[in-house]
N, C-alpha and C. Protein backbone atom coordinates (compact mmCIF):
# COMPACT_ATOMS: atom_id res chain seq x y z
N UNK A 1 -23.79 -12.89 2.17
CA UNK A 1 -23.07 -13.72 3.12
C UNK A 1 -24.01 -14.72 3.79
N UNK A 2 -23.46 -15.84 4.22
CA UNK A 2 -24.25 -16.87 4.87
C UNK A 2 -24.40 -16.59 6.35
N UNK A 3 -25.23 -17.40 7.01
CA UNK A 3 -25.41 -17.25 8.45
C UNK A 3 -24.10 -17.49 9.18
N UNK A 4 -23.94 -16.83 10.31
CA UNK A 4 -22.66 -16.89 11.01
C UNK A 4 -22.56 -18.12 11.89
N UNK A 5 -21.34 -18.62 12.06
CA UNK A 5 -21.09 -19.67 13.03
C UNK A 5 -21.06 -19.07 14.42
N UNK A 6 -21.38 -19.87 15.43
CA UNK A 6 -21.34 -19.36 16.80
C UNK A 6 -19.89 -19.18 17.23
N UNK A 7 -19.56 -17.99 17.68
CA UNK A 7 -18.19 -17.68 18.09
C UNK A 7 -17.97 -18.08 19.54
N UNK A 8 -16.70 -18.22 19.95
CA UNK A 8 -16.40 -18.59 21.33
C UNK A 8 -16.67 -17.45 22.31
N UNK A 9 -17.01 -16.29 21.82
CA UNK A 9 -17.41 -15.16 22.65
C UNK A 9 -18.25 -14.28 21.76
N UNK A 10 -18.86 -13.23 22.31
CA UNK A 10 -19.75 -12.40 21.51
C UNK A 10 -18.96 -11.52 20.57
N UNK A 11 -19.24 -11.66 19.27
CA UNK A 11 -18.62 -10.77 18.29
C UNK A 11 -19.38 -9.46 18.16
N UNK A 12 -20.54 -9.37 18.77
CA UNK A 12 -21.39 -8.21 18.55
C UNK A 12 -21.23 -7.13 19.61
N UNK A 13 -20.60 -7.45 20.74
CA UNK A 13 -20.46 -6.45 21.78
C UNK A 13 -19.20 -5.62 21.56
N UNK A 14 -19.16 -4.48 22.19
CA UNK A 14 -17.99 -3.61 22.08
C UNK A 14 -16.79 -4.28 22.73
N UNK A 15 -15.56 -3.97 22.25
CA UNK A 15 -14.37 -4.60 22.83
C UNK A 15 -14.25 -4.33 24.32
N UNK A 16 -13.65 -5.29 25.02
CA UNK A 16 -13.46 -5.14 26.46
C UNK A 16 -12.24 -4.28 26.78
N UNK A 17 -12.13 -3.97 28.06
CA UNK A 17 -10.94 -3.27 28.55
C UNK A 17 -9.78 -4.25 28.56
N UNK A 18 -8.73 -3.92 27.78
CA UNK A 18 -7.62 -4.84 27.65
C UNK A 18 -6.51 -4.58 28.67
N UNK A 19 -6.72 -3.61 29.56
CA UNK A 19 -5.64 -3.24 30.47
C UNK A 19 -5.25 -4.37 31.41
N UNK A 20 -6.20 -5.30 31.66
CA UNK A 20 -5.90 -6.40 32.58
C UNK A 20 -5.60 -7.69 31.84
N UNK A 21 -5.52 -7.64 30.51
CA UNK A 21 -5.32 -8.86 29.74
C UNK A 21 -3.84 -9.14 29.53
N UNK A 22 -3.54 -10.40 29.36
CA UNK A 22 -2.17 -10.81 29.09
C UNK A 22 -1.75 -10.31 27.71
N UNK A 23 -0.49 -9.93 27.58
CA UNK A 23 0.02 -9.47 26.29
C UNK A 23 0.56 -10.62 25.45
N UNK A 24 0.47 -11.86 25.94
CA UNK A 24 1.08 -12.96 25.21
C UNK A 24 0.41 -13.22 23.88
N UNK A 25 -0.88 -12.85 23.76
CA UNK A 25 -1.60 -13.09 22.50
C UNK A 25 -1.68 -11.84 21.65
N UNK A 26 -0.88 -10.81 21.99
CA UNK A 26 -1.03 -9.52 21.34
C UNK A 26 -0.17 -9.36 20.09
N UNK A 27 0.67 -10.32 19.81
CA UNK A 27 1.56 -10.20 18.65
C UNK A 27 1.17 -11.27 17.63
N UNK A 28 0.45 -10.90 16.57
CA UNK A 28 0.03 -11.90 15.60
C UNK A 28 1.21 -12.44 14.81
N UNK A 29 1.16 -13.72 14.50
CA UNK A 29 2.23 -14.33 13.71
C UNK A 29 2.10 -13.91 12.25
N UNK A 30 3.16 -14.16 11.49
CA UNK A 30 3.11 -13.88 10.06
C UNK A 30 2.01 -14.69 9.39
N UNK A 31 1.79 -15.92 9.86
CA UNK A 31 0.74 -16.76 9.30
C UNK A 31 -0.64 -16.14 9.53
N UNK A 32 -0.87 -15.62 10.73
CA UNK A 32 -2.16 -14.99 11.03
C UNK A 32 -2.37 -13.77 10.16
N UNK A 33 -1.34 -12.96 9.98
CA UNK A 33 -1.47 -11.79 9.11
C UNK A 33 -1.76 -12.19 7.67
N UNK A 34 -1.11 -13.25 7.20
CA UNK A 34 -1.38 -13.72 5.84
C UNK A 34 -2.82 -14.19 5.71
N UNK A 35 -3.35 -14.87 6.73
CA UNK A 35 -4.75 -15.31 6.70
C UNK A 35 -5.70 -14.12 6.72
N UNK A 36 -5.35 -13.08 7.48
CA UNK A 36 -6.19 -11.89 7.51
C UNK A 36 -6.26 -11.22 6.14
N UNK A 37 -5.18 -11.30 5.38
CA UNK A 37 -5.19 -10.70 4.05
C UNK A 37 -6.12 -11.45 3.10
N UNK A 38 -6.59 -12.63 3.49
CA UNK A 38 -7.46 -13.41 2.61
C UNK A 38 -8.93 -13.27 2.96
N UNK A 39 -9.26 -12.56 4.05
CA UNK A 39 -10.66 -12.37 4.42
C UNK A 39 -11.03 -10.89 4.26
N UNK A 40 -12.33 -10.63 4.25
CA UNK A 40 -12.82 -9.29 3.95
C UNK A 40 -13.40 -8.60 5.17
N UNK A 41 -13.11 -7.31 5.34
CA UNK A 41 -13.77 -6.55 6.40
C UNK A 41 -15.30 -6.58 6.28
N UNK A 42 -15.81 -6.70 5.06
CA UNK A 42 -17.26 -6.73 4.89
C UNK A 42 -17.87 -7.99 5.49
N UNK A 43 -17.09 -9.07 5.59
CA UNK A 43 -17.58 -10.26 6.28
C UNK A 43 -17.78 -9.95 7.76
N UNK A 44 -16.83 -9.24 8.35
CA UNK A 44 -16.99 -8.81 9.74
C UNK A 44 -18.19 -7.89 9.88
N UNK A 45 -18.47 -7.12 8.82
CA UNK A 45 -19.61 -6.21 8.84
C UNK A 45 -20.95 -6.90 8.96
N UNK A 46 -21.00 -8.20 8.66
CA UNK A 46 -22.24 -8.96 8.87
C UNK A 46 -22.45 -9.28 10.35
N UNK A 47 -21.42 -9.10 11.14
CA UNK A 47 -21.49 -9.45 12.56
C UNK A 47 -21.60 -8.24 13.47
N UNK A 48 -21.01 -7.12 13.07
CA UNK A 48 -20.99 -5.95 13.96
C UNK A 48 -20.60 -4.71 13.16
N UNK A 49 -20.81 -3.55 13.77
CA UNK A 49 -20.44 -2.28 13.17
C UNK A 49 -19.11 -1.75 13.71
N UNK A 50 -18.86 -1.97 15.01
CA UNK A 50 -17.68 -1.35 15.61
C UNK A 50 -16.40 -1.95 15.02
N UNK A 51 -15.41 -1.08 14.88
CA UNK A 51 -14.14 -1.51 14.32
C UNK A 51 -14.06 -1.41 12.81
N UNK A 52 -15.10 -0.91 12.16
CA UNK A 52 -15.09 -0.77 10.70
C UNK A 52 -14.96 0.70 10.35
N UNK A 53 -13.87 1.05 9.72
CA UNK A 53 -13.56 2.45 9.40
C UNK A 53 -14.41 2.92 8.23
N UNK A 54 -15.05 4.08 8.39
CA UNK A 54 -15.94 4.61 7.37
C UNK A 54 -15.38 5.91 6.79
N UNK A 55 -15.73 6.17 5.53
CA UNK A 55 -15.44 7.46 4.92
C UNK A 55 -14.10 7.59 4.25
N UNK A 56 -13.28 6.56 4.27
CA UNK A 56 -11.99 6.58 3.58
C UNK A 56 -12.06 5.68 2.36
N UNK A 57 -11.24 5.98 1.36
CA UNK A 57 -11.23 5.23 0.11
C UNK A 57 -9.84 4.67 -0.18
N UNK A 58 -9.78 3.53 -0.87
CA UNK A 58 -8.47 3.02 -1.30
C UNK A 58 -7.91 3.90 -2.42
N UNK A 59 -6.61 4.09 -2.41
CA UNK A 59 -5.98 4.89 -3.47
C UNK A 59 -6.03 4.15 -4.81
N UNK A 60 -6.03 2.83 -4.75
CA UNK A 60 -6.13 2.02 -5.97
C UNK A 60 -6.77 0.70 -5.62
N UNK A 61 -7.20 -0.01 -6.63
CA UNK A 61 -7.74 -1.37 -6.48
C UNK A 61 -7.09 -2.24 -7.54
N UNK A 62 -6.89 -3.54 -7.30
CA UNK A 62 -7.18 -4.27 -6.06
C UNK A 62 -6.20 -3.89 -4.95
N UNK A 63 -6.65 -4.07 -3.72
CA UNK A 63 -5.82 -3.71 -2.57
C UNK A 63 -6.11 -4.69 -1.43
N UNK A 64 -5.07 -5.17 -0.80
CA UNK A 64 -5.20 -6.03 0.39
C UNK A 64 -4.00 -5.79 1.29
N UNK A 65 -4.24 -5.73 2.59
CA UNK A 65 -3.13 -5.59 3.53
C UNK A 65 -3.58 -6.04 4.91
N UNK A 66 -2.61 -6.32 5.75
CA UNK A 66 -2.86 -6.61 7.16
C UNK A 66 -1.58 -6.32 7.93
N UNK A 67 -1.73 -5.83 9.14
CA UNK A 67 -0.55 -5.54 9.93
C UNK A 67 -0.91 -4.96 11.28
N UNK A 68 0.12 -4.61 12.01
CA UNK A 68 -0.01 -4.10 13.38
C UNK A 68 0.13 -2.58 13.36
N UNK A 69 -0.75 -1.89 14.06
CA UNK A 69 -0.83 -0.44 13.99
C UNK A 69 0.30 0.26 14.73
N UNK A 70 0.88 1.26 14.04
CA UNK A 70 1.63 2.34 14.67
C UNK A 70 0.84 3.61 14.37
N UNK A 71 0.67 4.48 15.33
CA UNK A 71 -0.17 5.66 15.13
C UNK A 71 0.64 6.94 15.17
N UNK A 72 0.17 7.91 14.38
CA UNK A 72 0.80 9.23 14.30
C UNK A 72 -0.30 10.28 14.35
N UNK A 73 -0.13 11.29 15.20
CA UNK A 73 -1.05 12.42 15.24
C UNK A 73 -0.48 13.53 14.37
N UNK A 74 -1.17 13.86 13.30
CA UNK A 74 -0.71 14.89 12.38
C UNK A 74 -1.35 16.23 12.68
N UNK A 75 -0.63 17.30 12.34
CA UNK A 75 -1.16 18.64 12.46
C UNK A 75 -1.64 19.15 11.11
N UNK A 76 -1.97 20.43 11.05
CA UNK A 76 -2.45 21.01 9.80
C UNK A 76 -1.34 21.08 8.76
N UNK A 77 -0.11 21.38 9.18
CA UNK A 77 0.98 21.58 8.23
C UNK A 77 2.03 20.48 8.24
N UNK A 78 2.03 19.63 9.24
CA UNK A 78 3.09 18.64 9.35
C UNK A 78 2.59 17.44 10.14
N UNK A 79 3.27 16.33 9.99
CA UNK A 79 3.00 15.14 10.80
C UNK A 79 4.30 14.73 11.49
N UNK A 80 4.70 15.47 12.53
CA UNK A 80 5.95 15.15 13.21
C UNK A 80 5.95 13.71 13.70
N UNK A 81 7.07 13.05 13.54
CA UNK A 81 7.18 11.67 13.97
C UNK A 81 6.89 10.66 12.89
N UNK A 82 6.28 11.09 11.77
CA UNK A 82 5.93 10.13 10.73
C UNK A 82 7.16 9.46 10.14
N UNK A 83 8.19 10.24 9.83
CA UNK A 83 9.39 9.63 9.26
C UNK A 83 10.03 8.62 10.21
N UNK A 84 10.02 8.93 11.50
CA UNK A 84 10.60 7.99 12.47
C UNK A 84 9.80 6.69 12.51
N UNK A 85 8.48 6.81 12.51
CA UNK A 85 7.64 5.61 12.54
C UNK A 85 7.86 4.78 11.27
N UNK A 86 8.00 5.44 10.13
CA UNK A 86 8.29 4.71 8.90
C UNK A 86 9.63 3.99 9.02
N UNK A 87 10.65 4.70 9.48
CA UNK A 87 11.99 4.10 9.57
C UNK A 87 12.05 2.93 10.55
N UNK A 88 11.17 2.93 11.54
CA UNK A 88 11.13 1.84 12.51
C UNK A 88 10.22 0.70 12.08
N UNK A 89 9.49 0.91 10.98
CA UNK A 89 8.50 -0.06 10.56
C UNK A 89 9.04 -1.09 9.58
N UNK A 90 8.17 -2.05 9.23
CA UNK A 90 8.53 -3.09 8.28
C UNK A 90 7.26 -3.65 7.64
N UNK A 91 7.35 -4.83 7.07
CA UNK A 91 6.23 -5.40 6.32
C UNK A 91 5.07 -5.83 7.22
N UNK A 92 5.23 -5.75 8.53
CA UNK A 92 4.14 -6.06 9.46
C UNK A 92 3.47 -4.78 9.98
N UNK A 93 3.91 -3.63 9.54
CA UNK A 93 3.46 -2.36 10.11
C UNK A 93 2.40 -1.69 9.23
N UNK A 94 1.27 -1.33 9.86
CA UNK A 94 0.29 -0.46 9.23
C UNK A 94 0.32 0.87 9.98
N UNK A 95 0.60 1.94 9.26
CA UNK A 95 0.70 3.27 9.87
C UNK A 95 -0.65 3.96 9.77
N UNK A 96 -1.15 4.42 10.91
CA UNK A 96 -2.45 5.08 10.98
C UNK A 96 -2.20 6.54 11.36
N UNK A 97 -2.63 7.46 10.49
CA UNK A 97 -2.35 8.88 10.68
C UNK A 97 -3.66 9.63 10.88
N UNK A 98 -3.82 10.25 12.04
CA UNK A 98 -4.98 11.12 12.25
C UNK A 98 -4.60 12.53 11.82
N UNK A 99 -5.58 13.24 11.30
CA UNK A 99 -5.38 14.62 10.85
C UNK A 99 -6.49 15.49 11.41
N UNK A 100 -6.28 16.82 11.50
CA UNK A 100 -7.35 17.69 11.99
C UNK A 100 -8.61 17.56 11.13
N UNK A 101 -9.77 17.59 11.76
CA UNK A 101 -11.03 17.46 11.02
C UNK A 101 -11.14 18.54 9.95
N UNK A 102 -11.52 18.13 8.75
CA UNK A 102 -11.73 19.08 7.67
C UNK A 102 -10.47 19.60 7.02
N UNK A 103 -9.31 19.05 7.37
CA UNK A 103 -8.06 19.56 6.79
C UNK A 103 -8.06 19.41 5.28
N UNK A 104 -7.54 20.42 4.59
CA UNK A 104 -7.44 20.38 3.13
C UNK A 104 -6.02 20.12 2.69
N UNK A 105 -5.07 20.11 3.62
CA UNK A 105 -3.67 19.90 3.28
C UNK A 105 -3.27 18.45 3.52
N UNK A 106 -2.22 18.04 2.82
CA UNK A 106 -1.68 16.71 3.04
C UNK A 106 -0.26 16.79 3.56
N UNK A 107 0.12 15.79 4.31
CA UNK A 107 1.51 15.64 4.73
C UNK A 107 2.08 14.32 4.21
N UNK A 108 1.38 13.75 3.20
CA UNK A 108 1.84 12.46 2.65
C UNK A 108 1.83 12.53 1.14
N UNK A 109 3.05 12.43 0.55
CA UNK A 109 3.18 12.46 -0.90
C UNK A 109 4.27 11.51 -1.38
N UNK A 110 4.81 11.80 -2.55
CA UNK A 110 5.72 10.87 -3.21
C UNK A 110 7.00 10.58 -2.46
N UNK A 111 7.62 11.59 -1.86
CA UNK A 111 8.90 11.37 -1.17
C UNK A 111 8.69 10.51 0.08
N UNK A 112 7.70 10.89 0.90
CA UNK A 112 7.43 10.10 2.09
C UNK A 112 6.95 8.70 1.69
N UNK A 113 6.17 8.63 0.61
CA UNK A 113 5.70 7.34 0.13
C UNK A 113 6.84 6.43 -0.32
N UNK A 114 7.85 7.03 -0.94
CA UNK A 114 9.01 6.25 -1.35
C UNK A 114 9.75 5.72 -0.13
N UNK A 115 9.82 6.53 0.89
CA UNK A 115 10.45 6.09 2.15
C UNK A 115 9.70 4.89 2.73
N UNK A 116 8.37 4.96 2.71
CA UNK A 116 7.56 3.86 3.23
C UNK A 116 7.73 2.60 2.39
N UNK A 117 7.77 2.78 1.08
CA UNK A 117 7.95 1.63 0.19
C UNK A 117 9.30 0.96 0.43
N UNK A 118 10.34 1.77 0.63
CA UNK A 118 11.67 1.22 0.86
C UNK A 118 11.72 0.39 2.14
N UNK A 119 10.91 0.74 3.12
CA UNK A 119 10.87 -0.01 4.38
C UNK A 119 9.92 -1.21 4.30
N UNK A 120 9.15 -1.30 3.22
CA UNK A 120 8.23 -2.41 3.06
C UNK A 120 6.98 -2.29 3.90
N UNK A 121 6.59 -1.06 4.27
CA UNK A 121 5.42 -0.85 5.12
C UNK A 121 4.19 -1.56 4.52
N UNK A 122 3.43 -2.25 5.38
CA UNK A 122 2.31 -3.06 4.90
C UNK A 122 1.18 -2.21 4.34
N UNK A 123 0.93 -1.06 4.93
CA UNK A 123 -0.15 -0.20 4.47
C UNK A 123 -0.26 1.04 5.32
N UNK A 124 -1.04 2.01 4.84
CA UNK A 124 -1.30 3.24 5.58
C UNK A 124 -2.78 3.54 5.55
N UNK A 125 -3.27 4.04 6.68
CA UNK A 125 -4.64 4.51 6.79
C UNK A 125 -4.55 5.96 7.24
N UNK A 126 -4.95 6.89 6.36
CA UNK A 126 -4.72 8.31 6.56
C UNK A 126 -6.06 9.03 6.60
N UNK A 127 -6.37 9.66 7.72
CA UNK A 127 -7.63 10.38 7.85
C UNK A 127 -7.47 11.80 7.30
N UNK A 128 -7.07 11.87 6.05
CA UNK A 128 -6.83 13.13 5.36
C UNK A 128 -6.39 12.84 3.94
N UNK A 129 -6.14 13.89 3.16
CA UNK A 129 -5.79 13.69 1.75
C UNK A 129 -4.32 13.34 1.55
N UNK A 130 -4.02 12.90 0.33
CA UNK A 130 -2.64 12.65 -0.10
C UNK A 130 -2.37 13.49 -1.34
N UNK A 131 -1.12 13.54 -1.74
CA UNK A 131 -0.74 14.19 -2.98
C UNK A 131 0.25 13.29 -3.72
N UNK A 132 0.64 13.71 -4.94
CA UNK A 132 1.51 12.87 -5.78
C UNK A 132 0.87 11.50 -5.99
N UNK A 133 -0.41 11.50 -6.27
CA UNK A 133 -1.17 10.24 -6.31
C UNK A 133 -0.64 9.28 -7.36
N UNK A 134 -0.21 9.79 -8.50
CA UNK A 134 0.31 8.89 -9.53
C UNK A 134 1.56 8.17 -9.04
N UNK A 135 2.44 8.90 -8.36
CA UNK A 135 3.65 8.28 -7.81
C UNK A 135 3.28 7.23 -6.75
N UNK A 136 2.32 7.56 -5.90
CA UNK A 136 1.94 6.62 -4.85
C UNK A 136 1.34 5.35 -5.42
N UNK A 137 0.55 5.49 -6.49
CA UNK A 137 0.00 4.30 -7.14
C UNK A 137 1.12 3.44 -7.71
N UNK A 138 2.09 4.07 -8.35
CA UNK A 138 3.21 3.32 -8.92
C UNK A 138 4.01 2.61 -7.83
N UNK A 139 4.16 3.24 -6.68
CA UNK A 139 4.92 2.62 -5.59
C UNK A 139 4.22 1.37 -5.06
N UNK A 140 2.89 1.38 -5.06
CA UNK A 140 2.14 0.17 -4.75
C UNK A 140 1.88 -0.12 -3.29
N UNK A 141 2.31 0.75 -2.38
CA UNK A 141 1.99 0.53 -0.97
C UNK A 141 0.49 0.77 -0.76
N UNK A 142 -0.25 -0.17 -0.16
CA UNK A 142 -1.68 0.03 0.05
C UNK A 142 -1.95 1.26 0.92
N UNK A 143 -2.86 2.11 0.46
CA UNK A 143 -3.20 3.34 1.18
C UNK A 143 -4.70 3.54 1.16
N UNK A 144 -5.27 3.78 2.34
CA UNK A 144 -6.62 4.31 2.45
C UNK A 144 -6.49 5.77 2.84
N UNK A 145 -7.31 6.64 2.22
CA UNK A 145 -7.12 8.08 2.38
C UNK A 145 -8.46 8.78 2.25
N UNK A 146 -8.43 10.10 2.46
CA UNK A 146 -9.63 10.91 2.34
C UNK A 146 -9.41 11.97 1.26
N UNK A 147 -9.21 11.51 0.02
CA UNK A 147 -9.11 12.44 -1.10
C UNK A 147 -7.68 12.76 -1.51
N UNK A 148 -7.59 13.52 -2.61
CA UNK A 148 -6.30 13.94 -3.20
C UNK A 148 -6.30 15.45 -3.30
N UNK A 149 -5.14 16.07 -3.04
CA UNK A 149 -5.07 17.52 -3.03
C UNK A 149 -3.70 18.01 -3.50
N UNK A 150 -3.63 19.22 -4.10
CA UNK A 150 -2.34 19.83 -4.36
C UNK A 150 -1.84 20.68 -3.19
N UNK A 151 -2.69 20.88 -2.17
CA UNK A 151 -2.28 21.66 -1.01
C UNK A 151 -1.43 20.79 -0.09
N UNK A 152 -0.19 21.19 0.09
CA UNK A 152 0.74 20.34 0.83
C UNK A 152 1.19 21.02 2.11
N UNK A 153 1.71 20.21 3.03
CA UNK A 153 2.20 20.72 4.30
C UNK A 153 3.59 21.31 4.18
N UNK A 154 4.07 21.83 5.28
CA UNK A 154 5.42 22.38 5.37
C UNK A 154 6.03 21.92 6.69
N UNK A 155 7.34 21.79 6.69
CA UNK A 155 8.01 21.35 7.91
C UNK A 155 7.81 22.36 9.04
N UNK A 156 7.53 21.84 10.22
CA UNK A 156 7.36 22.69 11.39
C UNK A 156 8.17 22.09 12.54
N UNK A 157 8.18 22.78 13.64
CA UNK A 157 8.82 22.26 14.85
C UNK A 157 7.77 21.71 15.80
N UNK A 158 6.70 21.17 15.24
CA UNK A 158 5.60 20.67 16.05
C UNK A 158 6.01 19.50 16.93
N UNK A 159 5.22 19.29 17.96
CA UNK A 159 5.48 18.21 18.91
C UNK A 159 5.22 16.87 18.24
N UNK A 160 6.13 15.94 18.44
CA UNK A 160 5.98 14.59 17.90
C UNK A 160 5.05 13.79 18.80
N UNK A 161 3.92 13.34 18.22
CA UNK A 161 2.95 12.54 18.99
C UNK A 161 2.72 11.24 18.22
N UNK A 162 3.27 10.17 18.75
CA UNK A 162 3.14 8.87 18.09
C UNK A 162 2.76 7.81 19.12
N UNK A 163 2.20 6.70 18.60
CA UNK A 163 1.86 5.55 19.44
C UNK A 163 0.93 5.92 20.60
N UNK A 164 -0.10 6.69 20.26
CA UNK A 164 -1.18 7.00 21.20
C UNK A 164 -2.49 6.64 20.51
N UNK A 165 -3.57 6.44 21.27
CA UNK A 165 -4.86 6.18 20.61
C UNK A 165 -5.27 7.34 19.72
N UNK A 166 -5.77 7.03 18.53
CA UNK A 166 -6.27 8.03 17.60
C UNK A 166 -7.64 7.60 17.12
N UNK A 167 -8.39 8.56 16.56
CA UNK A 167 -9.69 8.26 15.97
C UNK A 167 -9.59 8.50 14.47
N UNK A 168 -9.91 7.48 13.70
CA UNK A 168 -9.85 7.55 12.24
C UNK A 168 -11.14 6.96 11.69
N UNK A 169 -11.85 7.75 10.89
CA UNK A 169 -13.09 7.26 10.32
C UNK A 169 -14.09 6.80 11.36
N UNK A 170 -14.10 7.48 12.51
CA UNK A 170 -15.04 7.15 13.57
C UNK A 170 -14.64 5.97 14.43
N UNK A 171 -13.45 5.43 14.24
CA UNK A 171 -12.99 4.25 14.97
C UNK A 171 -11.75 4.59 15.78
N UNK A 172 -11.73 4.20 17.04
CA UNK A 172 -10.53 4.37 17.87
C UNK A 172 -9.53 3.28 17.47
N UNK A 173 -8.31 3.72 17.15
CA UNK A 173 -7.23 2.78 16.83
C UNK A 173 -6.13 2.97 17.87
N UNK A 174 -5.79 1.90 18.55
CA UNK A 174 -4.71 1.92 19.53
C UNK A 174 -3.45 1.36 18.92
N UNK A 175 -2.29 1.87 19.31
CA UNK A 175 -1.05 1.23 18.84
C UNK A 175 -1.05 -0.23 19.26
N UNK A 176 -0.70 -1.10 18.32
CA UNK A 176 -0.73 -2.53 18.60
C UNK A 176 -2.00 -3.21 18.14
N UNK A 177 -3.05 -2.45 17.81
CA UNK A 177 -4.23 -3.05 17.20
C UNK A 177 -3.84 -3.67 15.86
N UNK A 178 -4.68 -4.57 15.38
CA UNK A 178 -4.42 -5.24 14.11
C UNK A 178 -5.45 -4.76 13.09
N UNK A 179 -4.96 -4.29 11.95
CA UNK A 179 -5.82 -3.80 10.88
C UNK A 179 -5.71 -4.71 9.67
N UNK A 180 -6.83 -4.90 8.98
CA UNK A 180 -6.80 -5.57 7.70
C UNK A 180 -7.77 -4.89 6.76
N UNK A 181 -7.41 -4.85 5.48
CA UNK A 181 -8.23 -4.13 4.52
C UNK A 181 -8.22 -4.77 3.15
N UNK A 182 -9.26 -4.45 2.38
CA UNK A 182 -9.34 -4.90 0.99
C UNK A 182 -10.02 -3.80 0.19
N UNK A 183 -10.55 -4.15 -0.99
CA UNK A 183 -11.17 -3.16 -1.86
C UNK A 183 -12.33 -2.41 -1.21
N UNK A 184 -12.97 -3.02 -0.22
CA UNK A 184 -14.21 -2.48 0.32
C UNK A 184 -14.04 -1.70 1.61
N UNK A 185 -12.93 -1.85 2.31
CA UNK A 185 -12.78 -1.12 3.56
C UNK A 185 -11.69 -1.66 4.45
N UNK A 186 -11.64 -1.11 5.66
CA UNK A 186 -10.61 -1.45 6.64
C UNK A 186 -11.29 -1.80 7.96
N UNK A 187 -10.81 -2.86 8.59
CA UNK A 187 -11.31 -3.28 9.90
C UNK A 187 -10.19 -3.22 10.92
N UNK A 188 -10.58 -2.94 12.17
CA UNK A 188 -9.64 -2.84 13.28
C UNK A 188 -10.03 -3.89 14.32
N UNK A 189 -9.08 -4.70 14.72
CA UNK A 189 -9.29 -5.72 15.75
C UNK A 189 -8.37 -5.46 16.93
N UNK A 190 -8.89 -5.65 18.12
CA UNK A 190 -8.04 -5.64 19.29
C UNK A 190 -7.17 -6.89 19.28
N UNK A 191 -5.96 -6.82 19.78
CA UNK A 191 -5.06 -7.97 19.68
C UNK A 191 -5.62 -9.27 20.24
N UNK A 192 -6.34 -9.19 21.36
CA UNK A 192 -6.82 -10.41 22.00
C UNK A 192 -7.85 -11.16 21.15
N UNK A 193 -8.54 -10.45 20.24
CA UNK A 193 -9.64 -11.08 19.51
C UNK A 193 -9.25 -11.54 18.10
N UNK A 194 -8.02 -11.30 17.68
CA UNK A 194 -7.66 -11.55 16.29
C UNK A 194 -7.92 -12.99 15.88
N UNK A 195 -7.38 -13.95 16.61
CA UNK A 195 -7.48 -15.33 16.17
C UNK A 195 -8.90 -15.88 16.22
N UNK A 196 -9.67 -15.67 17.30
CA UNK A 196 -11.04 -16.18 17.27
C UNK A 196 -11.91 -15.52 16.21
N UNK A 197 -11.75 -14.21 16.00
CA UNK A 197 -12.52 -13.55 14.94
C UNK A 197 -12.12 -14.09 13.58
N UNK A 198 -10.83 -14.26 13.37
CA UNK A 198 -10.34 -14.77 12.09
C UNK A 198 -10.94 -16.13 11.78
N UNK A 199 -11.01 -17.00 12.77
CA UNK A 199 -11.59 -18.33 12.55
C UNK A 199 -13.05 -18.24 12.11
N UNK A 200 -13.80 -17.33 12.74
CA UNK A 200 -15.20 -17.15 12.36
C UNK A 200 -15.32 -16.63 10.94
N UNK A 201 -14.51 -15.63 10.59
CA UNK A 201 -14.57 -15.05 9.24
C UNK A 201 -14.20 -16.08 8.18
N UNK A 202 -13.16 -16.87 8.44
CA UNK A 202 -12.77 -17.91 7.48
C UNK A 202 -13.90 -18.91 7.27
N UNK A 203 -14.54 -19.30 8.36
CA UNK A 203 -15.65 -20.26 8.25
C UNK A 203 -16.80 -19.67 7.45
N UNK A 204 -17.15 -18.43 7.71
CA UNK A 204 -18.23 -17.78 6.96
C UNK A 204 -17.92 -17.74 5.47
N UNK A 205 -16.68 -17.38 5.14
CA UNK A 205 -16.34 -17.23 3.72
C UNK A 205 -16.24 -18.58 3.02
N UNK A 206 -15.79 -19.62 3.74
CA UNK A 206 -15.80 -20.97 3.14
C UNK A 206 -17.22 -21.40 2.81
N UNK A 207 -18.14 -21.16 3.74
CA UNK A 207 -19.51 -21.57 3.50
C UNK A 207 -20.18 -20.72 2.42
N UNK A 208 -19.76 -19.49 2.30
CA UNK A 208 -20.31 -18.64 1.25
C UNK A 208 -19.90 -19.14 -0.14
N UNK A 209 -18.66 -19.62 -0.26
CA UNK A 209 -18.22 -20.18 -1.54
C UNK A 209 -19.14 -21.32 -1.95
N UNK A 210 -19.47 -22.21 -1.02
CA UNK A 210 -20.37 -23.31 -1.32
C UNK A 210 -21.76 -22.84 -1.69
N UNK A 211 -22.25 -21.81 -0.98
CA UNK A 211 -23.57 -21.27 -1.27
C UNK A 211 -23.63 -20.67 -2.66
N UNK A 212 -22.62 -19.90 -3.04
CA UNK A 212 -22.62 -19.29 -4.37
C UNK A 212 -22.58 -20.36 -5.45
N UNK A 213 -21.75 -21.39 -5.23
CA UNK A 213 -21.67 -22.48 -6.21
C UNK A 213 -23.02 -23.18 -6.36
N UNK A 214 -23.72 -23.38 -5.23
CA UNK A 214 -25.03 -24.02 -5.27
C UNK A 214 -26.05 -23.18 -6.02
N UNK A 215 -26.03 -21.87 -5.79
CA UNK A 215 -26.96 -20.98 -6.48
C UNK A 215 -26.71 -20.97 -7.98
N UNK A 216 -25.43 -20.96 -8.37
CA UNK A 216 -25.11 -20.99 -9.80
C UNK A 216 -25.55 -22.30 -10.43
N UNK A 217 -25.34 -23.39 -9.70
CA UNK A 217 -25.75 -24.69 -10.22
C UNK A 217 -27.27 -24.77 -10.40
N UNK A 218 -28.02 -24.21 -9.46
CA UNK A 218 -29.48 -24.20 -9.59
C UNK A 218 -29.91 -23.40 -10.82
N UNK A 219 -29.20 -22.29 -11.06
CA UNK A 219 -29.54 -21.49 -12.23
C UNK A 219 -29.23 -22.22 -13.51
N UNK A 220 -28.13 -22.98 -13.53
CA UNK A 220 -27.74 -23.72 -14.74
C UNK A 220 -28.71 -24.84 -15.04
N UNK A 221 -29.40 -25.34 -14.02
CA UNK A 221 -30.34 -26.44 -14.22
C UNK A 221 -31.69 -25.98 -14.77
N UNK A 222 -31.91 -24.70 -14.81
CA UNK A 222 -33.21 -24.22 -15.29
C UNK A 222 -33.37 -24.42 -16.79
């Protein structure tokens, strides 16, 4: 990557407290989400570490998505509230599911995946394993996950916990945060910073295209 452009604020410091910020800039437009799908989390990784989810893998490649977070707290055997969040979601929704540390069971497979596909869910980030992986690949909804397993959950009467802050891959994700992902990883942005960060990332990637072309041209001249 090339050297970074100077941002209108520090991209390297931890996010601020948003409790006193206006919510008017908290809803990204469809155009902004489309632009986020064209940039890479690894470009943000040249600027900072925070907000970059670690330890999860894409279910398939190529993969790109962007959307607004809805969060679900899952248990060992069930993820109460997941179906409701799916049914309320759409093509702008990224569902983020936290699971107990070290869990070997999944609560996400082919049937739930079909439900998500039918709603047009933009993507899922699951801090745990999935099952029915072949079906999920065929469905094509972008998924980041922590492995594949035949151990599945069972319905319980557990408490429904949705739209609360969760920790996934070492990153706090709040409902309403904006996530974008590609083959290399997933990044989380606070709503207030989406547009200024996006402008910096686009500029970096434009300049990188020119740099790569220049390097190839120099090699061809040898």
